[in-house]
Structure formats: C-alpha cells, structure tokens
Amino acid sequence: MISIIIPVWNEVGHLPATLAAAHEPGLASEVIVVEAGTKENTGGVAPAVGWTLITSARRQRAAQMNLGASRSQGELLLFLHADTRLYPGALSKIQSAMADPGMAGGGFARRFASHSPWLGLTSRLADYRGRVFGWLFGDQAIFIRRTTFNRLGGYPDWDLFEDLELSRRMKRHGRVVLLEPPITSSARRFQARGPVLTTLRDLVLTLQYFAGVHPNRIATRLARLGEPKKD
C-alpha cells in the first residue's frame, strides 16, 4: 500500500484537486493530510475519495510530514505538496519502480502550471539533476520505502532543504529514480518577484546549503528580512 502524506497550511483552494488526482481506482492507498495552525476549514474539503486529517503542533513541513508518516500504514510513502497534481497512473508507476528491491525511492519530473519559457528551462534542468545526482525537491513528489525512511530517521528537523537532504541521504541506501511523464506544480511562489529573480534567489540559498550553512540559520535570516522561505 502507498501512504500519501500531504502537509498543508491554508491550502483549501488547492487541496480538492490534489486529493482527487491522488486517487487511483484499484490501487491500495491511503491519504493523510497534516494541517498546522490553519485558519481555514481544511476538514470541510470534500474530495472524491476518503482521507484522514490530523493536526500538527508545529507549522513546519518536515515535522508535519514526519507526523503523517508515523500515523500511516503503507509500505511506501509518498510526500505530496498540496498544490502539486499527480497524473492518472502515477501511483502504479511508483509501485512498478519500487518492485525492484535495489530501489530506495525517487520522485517525478515536474513542470509548473505556467507558460514561462524560463520555468520550462529550469524544470528540464531539474530533470537532469534528478536523473544524474538523485537530488529531489518536495514539489517533485518524493517517494521512499518506509524501511528506508525509518532508517534515515525521517526528514531532518529543518525549516529548509529537508527534502533535498532526504533525497541525498536516500541515495546512500539504494538507487533513486526519476519517473515520467511530469507532474504539475503551481507556479504561485514565482508571482511576487517573477521566475528569473525567484530562481536566482533559490540558487543562492541552495549554494549556502551546499557550503555548509545550516538550513535553519538560512531560514532565520530570511525571517528577519521578512522574506518567504524557498518552498
């Protein structure tokens, strides 16, 4: 069974479509939505299929996903952003890929819901990064074996880059696959600055992470500047 874990915070506008797309008839799965301090009525969302809503005491994506994983039952864990849509048959592709015992986990190629040529280019570069290095971000719908996830201790208690860190650690325990066709993620976080400036900002933050700056320090600096987090 696949456990689909969706961390949310004020995501009522995106959640119904994401939940509907996460259902695949004939495939054993469960959906766990983990909200944290939302002012919206997440429980009032009426998707096409059933799901479980739990509440996290912390509004941190890593903490929410770890909590969801601890409450789930599936042998495979899929971490899905509330504004990211799977395509029909995506769950079956995960099952087929993970039938190989040497596979630790993976993610999907991703395209943004935007006509921006720049975002199209960066998405293809992300595909290359995922195939060659096995480095994945959360909007690529990371999936992993429960046994591997537990062995890694779950997501690190970080405010940023918990997704990239998990994928890098995951690769030490087996192969990491990038599945296609691409899934679709919202381009909303590019609206304030535009695609180019937002991407360059993300690159600077990522270089800081690779240089050894702790992600929580990066997040604290952003908060002091009144900046939103990378993801």
Protein backbone atom coordinates (compact mmCIF):
# COMPACT_ATOMS: atom_id res chain seq x y z
CA MET A 1 0.00 0.00 0.00
CA ILE A 2 1.09 3.56 -0.70
CA SER A 3 0.58 6.17 2.01
CA ILE A 4 0.19 9.65 0.53
CA ILE A 5 1.13 12.35 3.02
CA ILE A 6 0.17 15.97 2.30
CA PRO A 7 1.37 18.76 4.63
CA VAL A 8 -0.92 21.80 4.48
CA TRP A 9 -1.25 25.31 5.79
CA ASN A 10 -4.13 27.37 4.38
CA GLU A 11 -4.43 25.19 1.27
CA VAL A 12 -8.19 24.78 0.93
CA GLY A 13 -8.09 26.31 -2.55
CA HIS A 14 -5.65 23.70 -3.89
CA LEU A 15 -6.44 20.65 -1.81
CA PRO A 16 -9.60 19.27 -3.51
CA ALA A 17 -7.94 18.92 -6.93
CA THR A 18 -4.81 17.43 -5.39
CA LEU A 19 -6.81 14.87 -3.42
CA ALA A 20 -8.88 13.90 -6.44
CA ALA A 21 -5.75 13.42 -8.57
CA ALA A 22 -4.14 11.30 -5.84
CA HIS A 23 -6.85 8.63 -6.15
CA GLU A 24 -6.22 5.67 -8.43
CA PRO A 25 -9.01 3.09 -8.69
CA GLY A 26 -7.98 -0.46 -7.88
CA LEU A 27 -4.76 0.52 -6.12
CA ALA A 28 -4.38 0.22 -2.35
CA SER A 29 -3.55 3.62 -0.88
CA GLU A 30 -4.35 5.96 1.97
CA VAL A 31 -4.23 9.75 2.11
CA ILE A 32 -3.18 11.59 5.25
CA VAL A 33 -3.48 15.38 5.31
CA VAL A 34 -1.42 17.07 8.05
CA GLU A 35 -2.51 20.61 8.80
CA ALA A 36 -0.80 23.06 11.14
CA GLY A 37 -2.37 26.19 12.56
CA THR A 38 -4.54 26.89 9.55
CA LYS A 39 -7.35 29.44 9.78
CA GLU A 40 -9.26 27.65 7.07
CA ASN A 41 -11.70 24.76 7.41
CA THR A 42 -9.49 22.04 5.97
CA GLY A 43 -11.86 19.40 7.32
CA GLY A 44 -14.65 20.87 5.22
CA VAL A 45 -12.94 19.95 1.96
CA ALA A 46 -14.99 17.32 0.13
CA PRO A 47 -12.75 15.31 -2.21
CA ALA A 48 -13.89 12.46 -4.40
CA VAL A 49 -12.43 9.85 -2.02
CA GLY A 50 -11.88 9.48 1.72
CA TRP A 51 -8.88 10.80 3.57
CA THR A 52 -7.63 11.31 7.10
CA LEU A 53 -6.96 14.72 8.63
CA ILE A 54 -4.53 15.11 11.52
CA THR A 55 -3.17 18.24 13.19
CA SER A 56 0.47 19.05 13.85
CA ALA A 57 1.50 21.20 16.79
CA ARG A 58 4.28 22.64 14.64
CA ARG A 59 3.94 24.57 11.39
CA GLN A 60 6.97 23.09 9.74
CA ARG A 61 6.79 20.94 6.66
CA ALA A 62 9.38 18.42 7.90
CA ALA A 63 7.58 17.99 11.23
CA GLN A 64 4.21 17.64 9.50
CA MET A 65 5.49 15.02 7.07
CA ASN A 66 7.20 13.05 9.81
CA LEU A 67 3.99 13.09 11.82
CA GLY A 68 1.98 11.91 8.84
CA ALA A 69 4.46 9.11 8.20
CA SER A 70 4.22 7.98 11.83
CA ARG A 71 0.43 7.69 11.53
CA SER A 72 0.46 5.90 8.17
CA GLN A 73 0.30 2.19 7.34
CA GLY A 74 1.76 1.84 3.83
CA GLU A 75 4.97 0.11 2.86
CA LEU A 76 5.66 3.00 0.50
CA LEU A 77 5.47 6.68 1.49
CA LEU A 78 4.67 9.45 -0.99
CA PHE A 79 5.08 13.05 0.16
CA LEU A 80 2.93 15.36 -1.92
CA HIS A 81 2.64 19.14 -1.83
CA ALA A 82 -0.93 20.44 -1.63
CA ASP A 83 -0.52 22.39 -4.88
CA THR A 84 1.02 19.54 -6.90
CA ARG A 85 -1.09 17.30 -9.13
CA LEU A 86 -0.30 13.69 -9.94
CA TYR A 87 -1.29 12.34 -13.33
CA PRO A 88 -3.52 9.26 -13.83
CA GLY A 89 -1.49 6.13 -13.26
CA ALA A 90 1.28 7.86 -11.27
CA LEU A 91 0.79 5.62 -8.23
CA SER A 92 1.03 2.49 -10.36
CA LYS A 93 4.31 3.80 -11.76
CA ILE A 94 5.64 4.15 -8.23
CA GLN A 95 4.65 0.57 -7.42
CA SER A 96 6.30 -0.74 -10.58
CA ALA A 97 9.53 1.16 -9.93
CA MET A 98 9.69 0.08 -6.29
CA ALA A 99 9.18 -3.59 -7.19
CA ASP A 100 12.95 -3.51 -7.73
CA PRO A 101 14.44 -4.23 -4.27
CA GLY A 102 17.51 -2.16 -5.13
CA MET A 103 15.40 0.98 -5.45
CA ALA A 104 15.39 3.22 -2.38
CA GLY A 105 12.90 5.74 -3.70
CA GLY A 106 12.55 8.61 -6.11
CA GLY A 107 10.39 11.39 -7.42
CA PHE A 108 8.85 12.74 -10.59
CA ALA A 109 9.86 15.05 -13.36
CA ARG A 110 7.95 18.28 -12.70
CA ARG A 111 6.51 21.11 -14.76
CA PHE A 112 4.99 24.31 -13.42
CA ALA A 113 1.48 25.43 -14.30
CA SER A 114 2.91 28.34 -16.26
CA HIS A 115 3.72 29.28 -19.85
CA SER A 116 7.02 30.84 -18.79
CA PRO A 117 9.88 29.62 -21.04
CA TRP A 118 12.26 30.23 -18.13
CA LEU A 119 10.35 27.89 -15.82
CA GLY A 120 10.21 25.34 -18.62
CA LEU A 121 14.01 25.52 -18.88
CA THR A 122 14.59 25.24 -15.13
CA SER A 123 12.23 22.25 -14.97
CA ARG A 124 14.28 20.43 -17.58
CA LEU A 125 17.47 21.24 -15.72
CA ALA A 126 15.82 19.82 -12.59
CA ASP A 127 15.06 16.65 -14.56
CA TYR A 128 18.77 16.34 -15.37
CA ARG A 129 19.70 16.95 -11.73
CA GLY A 130 17.31 14.24 -10.58
CA ARG A 131 18.45 11.66 -13.10
CA VAL A 132 22.18 12.21 -12.69
CA PHE A 133 22.51 13.05 -8.99
CA GLY A 134 19.25 11.81 -7.49
CA TRP A 135 18.65 15.22 -5.88
CA LEU A 136 14.97 15.99 -5.49
CA PHE A 137 12.81 18.78 -4.09
CA GLY A 138 9.43 18.42 -2.45
CA ASP A 139 7.37 19.60 -5.42
CA GLN A 140 8.66 16.53 -7.28
CA ALA A 141 6.53 14.25 -5.07
CA ILE A 142 9.28 12.32 -3.28
CA PHE A 143 8.51 8.67 -2.53
CA ILE A 144 10.51 6.24 -0.40
CA ARG A 145 10.26 2.83 1.25
CA ARG A 146 9.08 3.03 4.84
CA THR A 147 12.01 0.90 5.97
CA THR A 148 14.47 3.29 4.34
CA PHE A 149 12.65 6.33 5.70
CA ASN A 150 12.80 4.93 9.22
CA ARG A 151 16.45 4.00 8.83
CA LEU A 152 17.20 7.61 7.86
CA GLY A 153 15.26 8.93 10.85
CA GLY A 154 12.69 10.64 8.62
CA TYR A 155 13.07 14.19 7.43
CA PRO A 156 15.66 16.25 9.31
CA ASP A 157 14.24 18.85 11.70
CA TRP A 158 14.98 21.68 9.28
CA ASP A 159 12.94 24.66 8.11
CA LEU A 160 14.50 24.50 4.64
CA PHE A 161 16.03 21.88 2.35
CA GLU A 162 14.65 18.94 4.32
CA ASP A 163 13.52 17.48 1.00
CA LEU A 164 16.88 17.80 -0.74
CA GLU A 165 18.66 16.40 2.30
CA LEU A 166 16.35 13.37 2.45
CA SER A 167 16.92 12.59 -1.23
CA ARG A 168 20.70 12.86 -0.82
CA ARG A 169 20.65 10.51 2.18
CA MET A 170 18.23 8.18 0.41
CA LYS A 171 20.70 7.64 -2.40
CA ARG A 172 23.15 6.08 0.06
CA HIS A 173 20.66 3.25 0.65
CA GLY A 174 19.84 2.34 -2.95
CA ARG A 175 19.03 3.74 -6.36
CA VAL A 176 16.88 6.82 -6.81
CA VAL A 177 14.60 7.01 -9.83
CA LEU A 178 13.00 9.95 -11.64
CA LEU A 179 9.63 8.99 -13.12
CA GLU A 180 7.88 10.49 -16.13
CA PRO A 181 5.69 11.97 -17.54
CA PRO A 182 5.98 15.13 -15.45
CA ILE A 183 3.58 16.03 -12.67
CA THR A 184 2.26 19.59 -12.42
CA SER A 185 3.00 22.05 -9.63
CA SER A 186 1.64 25.54 -9.03
CA ALA A 187 3.83 28.48 -10.08
CA ARG A 188 2.38 30.76 -7.40
CA ARG A 189 5.63 31.26 -5.50
CA PHE A 190 7.15 32.88 -8.59
CA GLN A 191 4.49 35.59 -8.77
CA ALA A 192 5.99 38.17 -6.40
CA ARG A 193 9.47 38.51 -7.97
CA GLY A 194 8.96 36.75 -11.25
CA PRO A 195 10.50 33.47 -12.43
CA VAL A 196 14.05 34.69 -13.07
CA LEU A 197 14.67 36.57 -9.82
CA THR A 198 12.98 33.87 -7.73
CA THR A 199 15.10 31.17 -9.35
CA LEU A 200 18.31 33.15 -8.80
CA ARG A 201 17.35 33.68 -5.16
CA ASP A 202 16.71 29.95 -4.77
CA LEU A 203 20.11 29.24 -6.31
CA VAL A 204 21.85 31.49 -3.78
CA LEU A 205 20.08 29.74 -0.90
CA THR A 206 20.95 26.32 -2.30
CA LEU A 207 24.62 27.28 -2.64
CA GLN A 208 24.58 28.32 1.02
CA TYR A 209 23.19 24.90 1.94
CA PHE A 210 25.91 23.12 -0.04
CA ALA A 211 28.53 25.40 1.52
CA GLY A 212 27.55 24.03 4.92
CA VAL A 213 25.32 26.79 6.30
CA HIS A 214 22.66 25.13 8.44
CA PRO A 215 19.23 25.46 6.78
CA ASN A 216 17.65 26.73 9.99
CA ARG A 217 20.15 29.61 10.03
CA ILE A 218 19.22 30.41 6.43
CA ALA A 219 15.51 30.34 7.34
CA THR A 220 16.13 32.63 10.34
CA ARG A 221 17.91 35.16 8.15
CA LEU A 222 15.01 35.10 5.69
CA ALA A 223 12.52 35.63 8.51
CA ARG A 224 14.45 38.65 9.79
CA LEU A 225 14.36 40.14 6.31
CA GLY A 226 10.65 39.42 6.01
CA GLU A 227 11.38 37.01 3.17
CA PRO A 228 9.33 33.89 2.47
CA LYS A 229 11.05 30.52 2.59
CA LYS A 230 12.31 28.94 -0.58
CA ASP A 231 9.41 26.47 -0.78
